[in-house]
Amino acid sequence: MRDLELPVGTCRDLCPPAERARREQERRLHRLEVAPGRAVKEYRRPAAGQPPPRPSELRPPAVLLDTVRYLARLVAERADAPRAEVAGFVADRLRAVRLDLALQRSGLAEAALVLEAAQAVLLAVVARLGPEPDPGPVVDPVLLQAQVQEGFGSLRRCYAQGAPGPRPRQAAFQSLFLLYNLGSVQALHEVLQLPAALRACPALHTALAVDLAFREGNAARLFRLLRALPYLQSCAVQCHVGHARRQALARMARALSTPKGQTVPLSFMIHLLALDGPEEAQNLCQAHDLPLDGEEKVVFLRGHYTEKGPPPAGACTVLVGNKLEGRTVEEMVMTEEENECLGLPTSPV
């Protein structure tokens, strides 16, 4: 269907009234949206052969942006709910936002703003998952990763349309794309195809430096760069932190292990790998069968280093959580968005 044939959404609610009434009757309202007026349109794959949605079933860009803001606010309001449950709910509703946008006619600038906001919230919510300490609902990490990639795909296609020239926040979100796909040859190739002026923007320049340090296995430079990243960029790269720490630990084991055992202060490990403290450092060593000398040193004994299963995720308080500085996800995400639009600095390091 050509763009000129697409409808213009007219629904002014977060959820079309007909859908809410149907889901109430079928008792399919999520527990995070049962309060009056808090239902949010859920994602439903368009069925083959079905007529296109009516304008009254589609939310225009302004309402979609309000929906994204509401979902970001929900993250803070429902601190009592398991983070995995919140992440699954928010990811589904953001997918519905992208679908509503794709099924209607809208300007490229307003479409980009909606997609950028949705992607920022999704990255922040996924980064909040971390190790879930309490039993409760689980979220499929493969599905969640696919939805993040889907969001980047929609956004990058939007950037590629229309008149040539970068969009106001394109460099920042292209940097998020590279950081989320750290070490990917394809992602790096796609970024290197961008205009030189765009690649020279500070956000992309830094992301390229992070990618290079990751590929080279330069742990000292990598974690120094990660400490300095703003909040959203830290959210994007968090999924690679455990792997980067394992890479660094394996290199240290190869270089330092001796038959009698060579010791390294735990404080050095904490600083080098930007760990959250002695307990996380001890857990990391124990997960790789590296013995400890008391509570202050790790012993590199030849033949002791092992890798079992995926690397420990860790809470990433130093690298991510502390950068919220007491603000909510909504405040941090939306403030960074507006600052970037106005050319102002993003969150402090």
C-alpha atoms as a PDB file:
ATOM      1  CA  MET A   1       0.000   0.000   0.000  1.00  0.00           C
ATOM      2  CA  ARG A   2       1.400   3.369  -1.007  1.00  0.00           C
ATOM      3  CA  ASP A   3       1.874   5.986   1.695  1.00  0.00           C
ATOM      4  CA  LEU A   4      -0.774   8.260   0.163  1.00  0.00           C
ATOM      5  CA  GLU A   5      -3.340   5.457   0.543  1.00  0.00           C
ATOM      6  CA  LEU A   6      -2.649   5.027   4.251  1.00  0.00           C
ATOM      7  CA  PRO A   7      -5.197   6.447   6.720  1.00  0.00           C
ATOM      8  CA  VAL A   8      -4.539   9.062   9.383  1.00  0.00           C
ATOM      9  CA  GLY A   9      -5.183   7.858  12.916  1.00  0.00           C
ATOM     10  CA  THR A  10      -7.934   9.571  14.918  1.00  0.00           C
ATOM     11  CA  CYS A  11      -7.973   7.584  18.213  1.00  0.00           C
ATOM     12  CA  ARG A  12      -7.241   9.949  21.104  1.00  0.00           C
ATOM     13  CA  ASP A  13      -6.934   7.248  23.775  1.00  0.00           C
ATOM     14  CA  LEU A  14      -4.027   5.026  24.736  1.00  0.00           C
ATOM     15  CA  CYS A  15      -6.265   2.100  23.811  1.00  0.00           C
ATOM     16  CA  PRO A  16      -9.179   2.232  21.327  1.00  0.00           C
ATOM     17  CA  PRO A  17     -12.442   1.955  23.297  1.00  0.00           C
ATOM     18  CA  ALA A  18     -13.607  -1.042  21.241  1.00  0.00           C
ATOM     19  CA  GLU A  19     -10.448  -2.990  22.093  1.00  0.00           C
ATOM     20  CA  ARG A  20     -10.676  -2.157  25.772  1.00  0.00           C
ATOM     21  CA  ALA A  21     -14.343  -3.234  25.906  1.00  0.00           C
ATOM     22  CA  ARG A  22     -13.517  -6.496  24.123  1.00  0.00           C
ATOM     23  CA  ARG A  23     -10.555  -7.286  26.371  1.00  0.00           C
ATOM     24  CA  GLU A  24     -12.566  -6.413  29.498  1.00  0.00           C
ATOM     25  CA  GLN A  25     -15.292  -8.807  28.388  1.00  0.00           C
ATOM     26  CA  GLU A  26     -12.724 -11.528  27.670  1.00  0.00           C
ATOM     27  CA  ARG A  27     -10.886 -10.748  30.936  1.00  0.00           C
ATOM     28  CA  ARG A  28      -7.647 -10.139  29.029  1.00  0.00           C
ATOM     29  CA  LEU A  29      -6.599  -6.866  30.641  1.00  0.00           C
ATOM     30  CA  HIS A  30      -3.067  -7.082  31.987  1.00  0.00           C
ATOM     31  CA  ARG A  31      -2.829  -6.478  35.718  1.00  0.00           C
ATOM     32  CA  LEU A  32      -0.659  -3.416  35.018  1.00  0.00           C
ATOM     33  CA  GLU A  33      -3.555  -1.766  33.163  1.00  0.00           C
ATOM     34  CA  VAL A  34      -6.680  -2.710  35.092  1.00  0.00           C
ATOM     35  CA  ALA A  35      -7.093   0.752  36.646  1.00  0.00           C
ATOM     36  CA  PRO A  36      -9.718   2.913  34.901  1.00  0.00           C
ATOM     37  CA  GLY A  37      -8.317   4.693  31.854  1.00  0.00           C
ATOM     38  CA  ARG A  38      -5.001   2.843  31.987  1.00  0.00           C
ATOM     39  CA  ALA A  39      -5.444   0.233  29.270  1.00  0.00           C
ATOM     40  CA  VAL A  40      -2.843   0.453  26.507  1.00  0.00           C
ATOM     41  CA  LYS A  41      -3.351  -0.975  23.032  1.00  0.00           C
ATOM     42  CA  GLU A  42      -1.731  -4.417  22.781  1.00  0.00           C
ATOM     43  CA  TYR A  43       0.206  -5.727  19.822  1.00  0.00           C
ATOM     44  CA  ARG A  44      -1.750  -7.873  17.370  1.00  0.00           C
ATOM     45  CA  ARG A  45      -0.116  -9.135  14.207  1.00  0.00           C
ATOM     46  CA  PRO A  46      -2.164  -8.033  11.144  1.00  0.00           C
ATOM     47  CA  ALA A  47      -4.027 -11.064   9.836  1.00  0.00           C
ATOM     48  CA  ALA A  48      -3.718 -11.949   6.158  1.00  0.00           C
ATOM     49  CA  GLY A  49      -6.794 -11.075   4.122  1.00  0.00           C
ATOM     50  CA  GLN A  50      -8.253  -8.831   6.807  1.00  0.00           C
ATOM     51  CA  PRO A  51      -9.279  -5.245   5.939  1.00  0.00           C
ATOM     52  CA  PRO A  52      -6.897  -2.496   7.077  1.00  0.00           C
ATOM     53  CA  PRO A  53      -7.659  -0.904  10.450  1.00  0.00           C
ATOM     54  CA  ARG A  54     -10.069   2.016  10.557  1.00  0.00           C
ATOM     55  CA  PRO A  55      -8.706   5.485  11.445  1.00  0.00           C
ATOM     56  CA  SER A  56     -10.550   5.255  14.778  1.00  0.00           C
ATOM     57  CA  GLU A  57      -8.399   2.216  15.665  1.00  0.00           C
ATOM     58  CA  LEU A  58      -5.091   3.997  15.020  1.00  0.00           C
ATOM     59  CA  ARG A  59      -3.466   6.505  17.377  1.00  0.00           C
ATOM     60  CA  PRO A  60      -1.909   9.545  15.665  1.00  0.00           C
ATOM     61  CA  PRO A  61       1.781  10.359  16.354  1.00  0.00           C
ATOM     62  CA  ALA A  62       0.999  12.814  19.169  1.00  0.00           C
ATOM     63  CA  VAL A  63      -1.035  10.168  21.022  1.00  0.00           C
ATOM     64  CA  LEU A  64       1.635   7.544  20.321  1.00  0.00           C
ATOM     65  CA  LEU A  65       4.232   9.801  21.926  1.00  0.00           C
ATOM     66  CA  ASP A  66       1.930  10.270  24.940  1.00  0.00           C
ATOM     67  CA  THR A  67       1.628   6.474  25.093  1.00  0.00           C
ATOM     68  CA  VAL A  68       5.410   6.075  25.173  1.00  0.00           C
ATOM     69  CA  ARG A  69       5.681   8.685  27.931  1.00  0.00           C
ATOM     70  CA  TYR A  70       2.999   6.879  29.920  1.00  0.00           C
ATOM     71  CA  LEU A  71       4.821   3.569  29.575  1.00  0.00           C
ATOM     72  CA  ALA A  72       8.057   5.197  30.750  1.00  0.00           C
ATOM     73  CA  ARG A  73       6.194   6.623  33.751  1.00  0.00           C
ATOM     74  CA  LEU A  74       4.680   3.209  34.498  1.00  0.00           C
ATOM     75  CA  VAL A  75       8.160   1.795  35.079  1.00  0.00           C
ATOM     76  CA  ALA A  76       8.558   4.062  38.112  1.00  0.00           C
ATOM     77  CA  GLU A  77       4.959   3.790  39.336  1.00  0.00           C
ATOM     78  CA  ARG A  78       4.969  -0.010  39.406  1.00  0.00           C
ATOM     79  CA  ALA A  79       8.163  -0.574  41.353  1.00  0.00           C
ATOM     80  CA  ASP A  80       6.206  -3.269  43.222  1.00  0.00           C
ATOM     81  CA  ALA A  81       5.859  -5.428  40.096  1.00  0.00           C
ATOM     82  CA  PRO A  82       8.623  -7.846  38.990  1.00  0.00           C
ATOM     83  CA  ARG A  83      10.878  -6.164  36.480  1.00  0.00           C
ATOM     84  CA  ALA A  84      10.517  -9.042  34.021  1.00  0.00           C
ATOM     85  CA  GLU A  85       6.738  -8.593  34.025  1.00  0.00           C
ATOM     86  CA  VAL A  86       7.055  -4.847  33.451  1.00  0.00           C
ATOM     87  CA  ALA A  87       9.583  -5.403  30.648  1.00  0.00           C
ATOM     88  CA  GLY A  88       7.345  -7.894  28.861  1.00  0.00           C
ATOM     89  CA  PHE A  89       4.315  -5.607  29.125  1.00  0.00           C
ATOM     90  CA  VAL A  90       6.151  -2.464  28.007  1.00  0.00           C
ATOM     91  CA  ALA A  91       7.874  -4.249  25.104  1.00  0.00           C
ATOM     92  CA  ASP A  92       4.537  -5.536  23.783  1.00  0.00           C
ATOM     93  CA  ARG A  93       2.840  -2.118  24.019  1.00  0.00           C
ATOM     94  CA  LEU A  94       5.802  -0.387  22.348  1.00  0.00           C
ATOM     95  CA  ARG A  95       5.571  -2.908  19.523  1.00  0.00           C
ATOM     96  CA  ALA A  96       1.938  -1.874  19.095  1.00  0.00           C
ATOM     97  CA  VAL A  97       3.095   1.762  18.967  1.00  0.00           C
ATOM     98  CA  ARG A  98       5.453   0.982  16.081  1.00  0.00           C
ATOM     99  CA  LEU A  99       2.717  -0.942  14.250  1.00  0.00           C
ATOM    100  CA  ASP A 100       0.207   1.916  14.607  1.00  0.00           C
ATOM    101  CA  LEU A 101       2.807   4.268  13.161  1.00  0.00           C
ATOM    102  CA  ALA A 102       3.563   1.952  10.230  1.00  0.00           C
ATOM    103  CA  LEU A 103      -0.132   1.580   9.321  1.00  0.00           C
ATOM    104  CA  GLN A 104      -0.849   5.293   8.937  1.00  0.00           C
ATOM    105  CA  ARG A 105       0.354   8.352   7.104  1.00  0.00           C
ATOM    106  CA  SER A 106       2.649  10.630   9.113  1.00  0.00           C
ATOM    107  CA  GLY A 107       5.520  13.054   8.643  1.00  0.00           C
ATOM    108  CA  LEU A 108       9.057  11.708   8.854  1.00  0.00           C
ATOM    109  CA  ALA A 109      10.054  14.100  11.637  1.00  0.00           C
ATOM    110  CA  GLU A 110       7.165  13.136  13.924  1.00  0.00           C
ATOM    111  CA  ALA A 111       7.579   9.449  13.060  1.00  0.00           C
ATOM    112  CA  ALA A 112      11.256   9.624  14.000  1.00  0.00           C
ATOM    113  CA  LEU A 113      10.404  11.310  17.312  1.00  0.00           C
ATOM    114  CA  VAL A 114       7.947   8.536  18.238  1.00  0.00           C
ATOM    115  CA  LEU A 115      10.332   5.752  17.214  1.00  0.00           C
ATOM    116  CA  GLU A 116      13.240   7.347  19.077  1.00  0.00           C
ATOM    117  CA  ALA A 117      11.210   7.729  22.256  1.00  0.00           C
ATOM    118  CA  ALA A 118       9.944   4.154  22.026  1.00  0.00           C
ATOM    119  CA  GLN A 119      13.424   2.762  21.479  1.00  0.00           C
ATOM    120  CA  ALA A 120      14.879   4.778  24.352  1.00  0.00           C
ATOM    121  CA  VAL A 121      12.253   3.472  26.768  1.00  0.00           C
ATOM    122  CA  LEU A 122      12.669  -0.114  25.556  1.00  0.00           C
ATOM    123  CA  LEU A 123      16.458   0.002  26.038  1.00  0.00           C
ATOM    124  CA  ALA A 124      16.049   1.448  29.542  1.00  0.00           C
ATOM    125  CA  VAL A 125      13.461  -1.165  30.544  1.00  0.00           C
ATOM    126  CA  VAL A 126      15.559  -4.051  29.207  1.00  0.00           C
ATOM    127  CA  ALA A 127      18.631  -2.730  31.036  1.00  0.00           C
ATOM    128  CA  ARG A 128      16.673  -2.652  34.306  1.00  0.00           C
ATOM    129  CA  LEU A 129      16.068  -6.411  34.141  1.00  0.00           C
ATOM    130  CA  GLY A 130      19.479  -7.523  35.366  1.00  0.00           C
ATOM    131  CA  PRO A 131      19.535 -10.641  37.517  1.00  0.00           C
ATOM    132  CA  GLU A 132      15.963 -11.114  38.780  1.00  0.00           C
ATOM    133  CA  PRO A 133      16.339 -12.029  42.498  1.00  0.00           C
ATOM    134  CA  ASP A 134      12.743 -13.020  43.231  1.00  0.00           C
ATOM    135  CA  PRO A 135      10.582 -15.727  41.633  1.00  0.00           C
ATOM    136  CA  GLY A 136       7.873 -14.424  39.353  1.00  0.00           C
ATOM    137  CA  PRO A 137       6.998 -13.940  35.701  1.00  0.00           C
ATOM    138  CA  VAL A 138       9.839 -14.458  33.267  1.00  0.00           C
ATOM    139  CA  VAL A 139      10.405 -12.791  29.930  1.00  0.00           C
ATOM    140  CA  ASP A 140      11.856 -14.544  26.895  1.00  0.00           C
ATOM    141  CA  PRO A 141      15.274 -12.890  26.348  1.00  0.00           C
ATOM    142  CA  VAL A 142      15.367 -13.992  22.701  1.00  0.00           C
ATOM    143  CA  LEU A 143      11.973 -12.399  22.014  1.00  0.00           C
ATOM    144  CA  LEU A 144      12.996  -9.251  23.876  1.00  0.00           C
ATOM    145  CA  GLN A 145      16.228  -8.998  21.891  1.00  0.00           C
ATOM    146  CA  ALA A 146      14.263  -9.460  18.644  1.00  0.00           C
ATOM    147  CA  GLN A 147      11.968  -6.595  19.618  1.00  0.00           C
ATOM    148  CA  VAL A 148      14.920  -4.296  20.346  1.00  0.00           C
ATOM    149  CA  GLN A 149      16.380  -5.133  16.926  1.00  0.00           C
ATOM    150  CA  GLU A 150      12.961  -4.603  15.348  1.00  0.00           C
ATOM    151  CA  GLY A 151      12.818  -1.157  16.933  1.00  0.00           C
ATOM    152  CA  PHE A 152      16.246  -0.245  15.583  1.00  0.00           C
ATOM    153  CA  GLY A 153      15.194  -1.489  12.139  1.00  0.00           C
ATOM    154  CA  SER A 154      12.085   0.719  12.099  1.00  0.00           C
ATOM    155  CA  LEU A 155      14.061   3.736  13.250  1.00  0.00           C
ATOM    156  CA  ARG A 156      16.930   3.307  10.794  1.00  0.00           C
ATOM    157  CA  ARG A 157      14.476   2.841   7.884  1.00  0.00           C
ATOM    158  CA  CYS A 158      12.819   6.073   8.946  1.00  0.00           C
ATOM    159  CA  TYR A 159      16.195   7.852   8.869  1.00  0.00           C
ATOM    160  CA  ALA A 160      16.837   6.507   5.353  1.00  0.00           C
ATOM    161  CA  GLN A 161      13.631   7.991   3.944  1.00  0.00           C
ATOM    162  CA  GLY A 162      12.991  11.500   2.714  1.00  0.00           C
ATOM    163  CA  ALA A 163      15.483  14.204   1.853  1.00  0.00           C
ATOM    164  CA  PRO A 164      19.190  13.477   2.407  1.00  0.00           C
ATOM    165  CA  GLY A 165      20.860  14.784   5.537  1.00  0.00           C
ATOM    166  CA  PRO A 166      20.926  13.623   9.177  1.00  0.00           C
ATOM    167  CA  ARG A 167      17.977  13.962  11.542  1.00  0.00           C
ATOM    168  CA  PRO A 168      18.559  15.881  14.829  1.00  0.00           C
ATOM    169  CA  ARG A 169      19.040  12.753  16.961  1.00  0.00           C
ATOM    170  CA  GLN A 170      20.271  10.357  14.298  1.00  0.00           C
ATOM    171  CA  ALA A 171      23.884  10.215  15.499  1.00  0.00           C
ATOM    172  CA  ALA A 172      22.802   9.435  19.074  1.00  0.00           C
ATOM    173  CA  PHE A 173      20.486   6.607  18.046  1.00  0.00           C
ATOM    174  CA  GLN A 174      22.904   5.192  15.484  1.00  0.00           C
ATOM    175  CA  SER A 175      25.399   5.043  18.359  1.00  0.00           C
ATOM    176  CA  LEU A 176      22.837   3.138  20.446  1.00  0.00           C
ATOM    177  CA  PHE A 177      22.419   0.693  17.541  1.00  0.00           C
ATOM    178  CA  LEU A 178      26.177   0.043  17.389  1.00  0.00           C
ATOM    179  CA  LEU A 179      26.549  -0.269  21.159  1.00  0.00           C
ATOM    180  CA  TYR A 180      23.664  -2.735  21.410  1.00  0.00           C
ATOM    181  CA  ASN A 181      25.270  -4.771  18.610  1.00  0.00           C
ATOM    182  CA  LEU A 182      28.828  -4.453  19.930  1.00  0.00           C
ATOM    183  CA  GLY A 183      31.234  -6.711  18.072  1.00  0.00           C
ATOM    184  CA  SER A 184      28.828  -7.343  15.158  1.00  0.00           C
ATOM    185  CA  VAL A 185      30.574  -7.076  11.790  1.00  0.00           C
ATOM    186  CA  GLN A 186      27.293  -6.274  10.063  1.00  0.00           C
ATOM    187  CA  ALA A 187      26.378  -3.499  12.495  1.00  0.00           C
ATOM    188  CA  LEU A 188      29.827  -1.951  12.204  1.00  0.00           C
ATOM    189  CA  HIS A 189      29.645  -2.139   8.398  1.00  0.00           C
ATOM    190  CA  GLU A 190      26.240  -0.404   8.395  1.00  0.00           C
ATOM    191  CA  VAL A 191      27.511   2.380  10.639  1.00  0.00           C
ATOM    192  CA  LEU A 192      30.649   2.847   8.533  1.00  0.00           C
ATOM    193  CA  GLN A 193      28.407   3.394   5.491  1.00  0.00           C
ATOM    194  CA  LEU A 194      26.917   6.498   7.119  1.00  0.00           C
ATOM    195  CA  PRO A 195      28.107   9.909   5.903  1.00  0.00           C
ATOM    196  CA  ALA A 196      31.465  10.987   7.346  1.00  0.00           C
ATOM    197  CA  ALA A 197      29.920  14.075   8.956  1.00  0.00           C
ATOM    198  CA  LEU A 198      27.488  11.868  10.875  1.00  0.00           C
ATOM    199  CA  ARG A 199      30.198   9.435  11.987  1.00  0.00           C
ATOM    200  CA  ALA A 200      32.225  12.383  13.295  1.00  0.00           C
ATOM    201  CA  CYS A 201      29.465  13.378  15.748  1.00  0.00           C
ATOM    202  CA  PRO A 202      30.615  12.817  19.367  1.00  0.00           C
ATOM    203  CA  ALA A 203      28.070  10.080  20.143  1.00  0.00           C
ATOM    204  CA  LEU A 204      29.009   7.940  17.139  1.00  0.00           C
ATOM    205  CA  HIS A 205      32.703   8.696  17.508  1.00  0.00           C
ATOM    206  CA  THR A 206      32.577   7.369  21.068  1.00  0.00           C
ATOM    207  CA  ALA A 207      30.529   4.316  20.086  1.00  0.00           C
ATOM    208  CA  LEU A 208      33.081   3.442  17.408  1.00  0.00           C
ATOM    209  CA  ALA A 209      35.862   3.768  19.999  1.00  0.00           C
ATOM    210  CA  VAL A 210      33.974   1.421  22.364  1.00  0.00           C
ATOM    211  CA  ASP A 211      33.476  -1.096  19.566  1.00  0.00           C
ATOM    212  CA  LEU A 212      37.184  -0.994  18.699  1.00  0.00           C
ATOM    213  CA  ALA A 213      38.271  -1.505  22.327  1.00  0.00           C
ATOM    214  CA  PHE A 214      35.824  -4.416  22.609  1.00  0.00           C
ATOM    215  CA  ARG A 215      37.174  -6.064  19.450  1.00  0.00           C
ATOM    216  CA  GLU A 216      40.791  -5.593  20.515  1.00  0.00           C
ATOM    217  CA  GLY A 217      40.131  -6.930  24.004  1.00  0.00           C
ATOM    218  CA  ASN A 218      41.541  -3.741  25.542  1.00  0.00           C
ATOM    219  CA  ALA A 219      39.754  -4.037  28.886  1.00  0.00           C
ATOM    220  CA  ALA A 220      41.362  -0.983  30.488  1.00  0.00           C
ATOM    221  CA  ARG A 221      40.268   1.317  27.649  1.00  0.00           C
ATOM    222  CA  LEU A 222      36.898  -0.373  27.195  1.00  0.00           C
ATOM    223  CA  PHE A 223      35.757  -0.018  30.791  1.00  0.00           C
ATOM    224  CA  ARG A 224      37.165   3.503  31.014  1.00  0.00           C
ATOM    225  CA  LEU A 225      34.946   4.416  28.051  1.00  0.00           C
ATOM    226  CA  LEU A 226      31.950   2.551  29.500  1.00  0.00           C
ATOM    227  CA  ARG A 227      32.221   4.459  32.785  1.00  0.00           C
ATOM    228  CA  ALA A 228      31.940   7.749  30.858  1.00  0.00           C
ATOM    229  CA  LEU A 229      28.944   6.830  28.683  1.00  0.00           C
ATOM    230  CA  PRO A 230      25.637   8.640  29.287  1.00  0.00           C
ATOM    231  CA  TYR A 231      22.712   6.673  30.701  1.00  0.00           C
ATOM    232  CA  LEU A 232      20.995   5.543  27.479  1.00  0.00           C
ATOM    233  CA  GLN A 233      24.244   4.488  25.831  1.00  0.00           C
ATOM    234  CA  SER A 234      25.049   2.534  29.008  1.00  0.00           C
ATOM    235  CA  CYS A 235      21.668   0.798  28.795  1.00  0.00           C
ATOM    236  CA  ALA A 236      22.378  -0.195  25.186  1.00  0.00           C
ATOM    237  CA  VAL A 237      25.798  -1.700  25.927  1.00  0.00           C
ATOM    238  CA  GLN A 238      24.903  -3.403  29.212  1.00  0.00           C
ATOM    239  CA  CYS A 239      24.115  -6.752  27.548  1.00  0.00           C
ATOM    240  CA  HIS A 240      27.800  -7.035  26.534  1.00  0.00           C
ATOM    241  CA  VAL A 241      29.355  -6.192  29.903  1.00  0.00           C
ATOM    242  CA  GLY A 242      29.377  -9.768  31.206  1.00  0.00           C
ATOM    243  CA  HIS A 243      31.047 -11.045  28.039  1.00  0.00           C
ATOM    244  CA  ALA A 244      33.646  -8.248  28.127  1.00  0.00           C
ATOM    245  CA  ARG A 245      34.501  -9.067  31.739  1.00  0.00           C
ATOM    246  CA  ARG A 246      34.876 -12.740  30.905  1.00  0.00           C
ATOM    247  CA  GLN A 247      37.166 -11.895  27.988  1.00  0.00           C
ATOM    248  CA  ALA A 248      39.338  -9.762  30.263  1.00  0.00           C
ATOM    249  CA  LEU A 249      39.438 -12.443  32.974  1.00  0.00           C
ATOM    250  CA  ALA A 250      40.418 -15.119  30.426  1.00  0.00           C
ATOM    251  CA  ARG A 251      43.275 -12.958  29.144  1.00  0.00           C
ATOM    252  CA  MET A 252      44.495 -12.350  32.683  1.00  0.00           C
ATOM    253  CA  ALA A 253      44.362 -16.081  33.413  1.00  0.00           C
ATOM    254  CA  ARG A 254      46.438 -16.876  30.327  1.00  0.00           C
ATOM    255  CA  ALA A 255      48.993 -14.191  31.128  1.00  0.00           C
ATOM    256  CA  LEU A 256      49.293 -14.563  34.904  1.00  0.00           C
ATOM    257  CA  SER A 257      48.568 -18.197  35.794  1.00  0.00           C
ATOM    258  CA  THR A 258      51.524 -20.128  37.261  1.00  0.00           C
ATOM    259  CA  PRO A 259      51.843 -23.544  38.911  1.00  0.00           C
ATOM    260  CA  LYS A 260      52.259 -21.923  42.343  1.00  0.00           C
ATOM    261  CA  GLY A 261      49.672 -19.220  41.722  1.00  0.00           C
ATOM    262  CA  GLN A 262      50.095 -15.507  41.184  1.00  0.00           C
ATOM    263  CA  THR A 263      47.897 -13.155  43.192  1.00  0.00           C
ATOM    264  CA  VAL A 264      46.184  -9.959  42.087  1.00  0.00           C
ATOM    265  CA  PRO A 265      44.449  -7.580  44.515  1.00  0.00           C
ATOM    266  CA  LEU A 266      40.678  -7.790  44.327  1.00  0.00           C
ATOM    267  CA  SER A 267      40.594  -3.969  44.381  1.00  0.00           C
ATOM    268  CA  PHE A 268      42.490  -3.971  41.064  1.00  0.00           C
ATOM    269  CA  MET A 269      39.874  -6.299  39.554  1.00  0.00           C
ATOM    270  CA  ILE A 270      37.068  -4.062  40.800  1.00  0.00           C
ATOM    271  CA  HIS A 271      38.616  -0.990  39.209  1.00  0.00           C
ATOM    272  CA  LEU A 272      39.690  -2.644  35.949  1.00  0.00           C
ATOM    273  CA  LEU A 273      36.313  -4.296  35.250  1.00  0.00           C
ATOM    274  CA  ALA A 274      34.102  -1.548  36.762  1.00  0.00           C
ATOM    275  CA  LEU A 275      32.556  -4.032  39.205  1.00  0.00           C
ATOM    276  CA  ASP A 276      30.075  -2.945  41.855  1.00  0.00           C
ATOM    277  CA  GLY A 277      32.252  -3.997  44.806  1.00  0.00           C
ATOM    278  CA  PRO A 278      34.160  -6.833  46.516  1.00  0.00           C
ATOM    279  CA  GLU A 279      31.167  -9.187  46.633  1.00  0.00           C
ATOM    280  CA  GLU A 280      30.592  -9.025  42.876  1.00  0.00           C
ATOM    281  CA  ALA A 281      34.334  -9.463  42.262  1.00  0.00           C
ATOM    282  CA  GLN A 282      34.418 -12.538  44.500  1.00  0.00           C
ATOM    283  CA  ASN A 283      31.348 -13.999  42.768  1.00  0.00           C
ATOM    284  CA  LEU A 284      32.923 -13.417  39.363  1.00  0.00           C
ATOM    285  CA  CYS A 285      36.115 -15.217  40.385  1.00  0.00           C
ATOM    286  CA  GLN A 286      34.239 -18.114  41.951  1.00  0.00           C
ATOM    287  CA  ALA A 287      32.064 -18.472  38.826  1.00  0.00           C
ATOM    288  CA  HIS A 288      35.277 -19.085  36.884  1.00  0.00           C
ATOM    289  CA  ASP A 289      36.886 -21.373  39.491  1.00  0.00           C
ATOM    290  CA  LEU A 290      39.562 -18.854  40.445  1.00  0.00           C
ATOM    291  CA  PRO A 291      40.485 -19.324  44.129  1.00  0.00           C
ATOM    292  CA  LEU A 292      40.638 -16.436  46.551  1.00  0.00           C
ATOM    293  CA  ASP A 293      43.352 -15.647  49.084  1.00  0.00           C
ATOM    294  CA  GLY A 294      41.208 -14.392  51.919  1.00  0.00           C
ATOM    295  CA  GLU A 295      38.880 -11.590  50.809  1.00  0.00           C
ATOM    296  CA  GLU A 296      41.456  -9.287  49.256  1.00  0.00           C
ATOM    297  CA  LYS A 297      43.235 -11.263  46.507  1.00  0.00           C
ATOM    298  CA  VAL A 298      42.428 -13.566  43.609  1.00  0.00           C
ATOM    299  CA  VAL A 299      44.880 -16.388  42.853  1.00  0.00           C
ATOM    300  CA  PHE A 300      45.655 -17.266  39.237  1.00  0.00           C
ATOM    301  CA  LEU A 301      46.614 -20.963  39.342  1.00  0.00           C
ATOM    302  CA  ARG A 302      47.456 -22.723  36.103  1.00  0.00           C
ATOM    303  CA  GLY A 303      44.601 -24.919  34.910  1.00  0.00           C
ATOM    304  CA  HIS A 304      42.026 -23.480  37.309  1.00  0.00           C
ATOM    305  CA  TYR A 305      40.260 -20.972  35.043  1.00  0.00           C
ATOM    306  CA  THR A 306      37.008 -22.386  33.584  1.00  0.00           C
ATOM    307  CA  GLU A 307      33.956 -21.040  31.788  1.00  0.00           C
ATOM    308  CA  LYS A 308      30.606 -22.605  32.612  1.00  0.00           C
ATOM    309  CA  GLY A 309      27.449 -21.310  30.969  1.00  0.00           C
ATOM    310  CA  PRO A 310      26.861 -17.643  30.144  1.00  0.00           C
ATOM    311  CA  PRO A 311      28.939 -15.056  32.011  1.00  0.00           C
ATOM    312  CA  PRO A 312      27.356 -13.576  35.160  1.00  0.00           C
ATOM    313  CA  ALA A 313      25.217 -10.586  34.221  1.00  0.00           C
ATOM    314  CA  GLY A 314      25.770  -8.528  37.361  1.00  0.00           C
ATOM    315  CA  ALA A 315      23.656  -5.573  38.441  1.00  0.00           C
ATOM    316  CA  CYS A 316      25.838  -2.982  36.633  1.00  0.00           C
ATOM    317  CA  THR A 317      25.154  -0.337  39.263  1.00  0.00           C
ATOM    318  CA  VAL A 318      28.406   1.501  38.553  1.00  0.00           C
ATOM    319  CA  LEU A 319      28.102   1.342  34.782  1.00  0.00           C
ATOM    320  CA  VAL A 320      24.347   1.930  34.433  1.00  0.00           C
ATOM    321  CA  GLY A 321      22.163   2.228  37.522  1.00  0.00           C
ATOM    322  CA  ASN A 322      24.048   5.054  39.241  1.00  0.00           C
ATOM    323  CA  LYS A 323      23.699   7.227  36.141  1.00  0.00           C
ATOM    324  CA  LEU A 324      19.979   7.625  36.836  1.00  0.00           C
ATOM    325  CA  GLU A 325      21.028   9.735  39.838  1.00  0.00           C
ATOM    326  CA  GLY A 326      17.664   9.379  41.549  1.00  0.00           C
ATOM    327  CA  ARG A 327      15.626  10.234  38.462  1.00  0.00           C
ATOM    328  CA  THR A 328      12.977   7.989  36.924  1.00  0.00           C
ATOM    329  CA  VAL A 329      13.326   6.350  33.530  1.00  0.00           C
ATOM    330  CA  GLU A 330      10.764   8.813  32.155  1.00  0.00           C
ATOM    331  CA  GLU A 331      12.710  11.830  33.442  1.00  0.00           C
ATOM    332  CA  MET A 332      16.042  10.549  32.189  1.00  0.00           C
ATOM    333  CA  VAL A 333      14.855   9.313  28.785  1.00  0.00           C
ATOM    334  CA  MET A 334      12.702  12.285  27.928  1.00  0.00           C
ATOM    335  CA  THR A 335      15.203  14.832  29.253  1.00  0.00           C
ATOM    336  CA  GLU A 336      17.990  13.360  27.136  1.00  0.00           C
ATOM    337  CA  GLU A 337      15.696  13.365  24.116  1.00  0.00           C
ATOM    338  CA  GLU A 338      14.814  17.028  24.494  1.00  0.00           C
ATOM    339  CA  ASN A 339      18.413  18.015  25.252  1.00  0.00           C
ATOM    340  CA  GLU A 340      19.695  16.280  22.144  1.00  0.00           C
ATOM    341  CA  CYS A 341      16.985  17.954  20.064  1.00  0.00           C
ATOM    342  CA  LEU A 342      18.104  21.345  21.362  1.00  0.00           C
ATOM    343  CA  GLY A 343      21.808  20.549  21.050  1.00  0.00           C
ATOM    344  CA  LEU A 344      22.372  20.583  24.822  1.00  0.00           C
ATOM    345  CA  PRO A 345      24.491  18.123  26.828  1.00  0.00           C
ATOM    346  CA  THR A 346      22.941  14.804  27.821  1.00  0.00           C
ATOM    347  CA  SER A 347      23.095  13.221  31.249  1.00  0.00           C
ATOM    348  CA  PRO A 348      26.212  14.042  33.287  1.00  0.00           C
ATOM    349  CA  VAL A 349      28.935  11.392  33.468  1.00  0.00           C
END
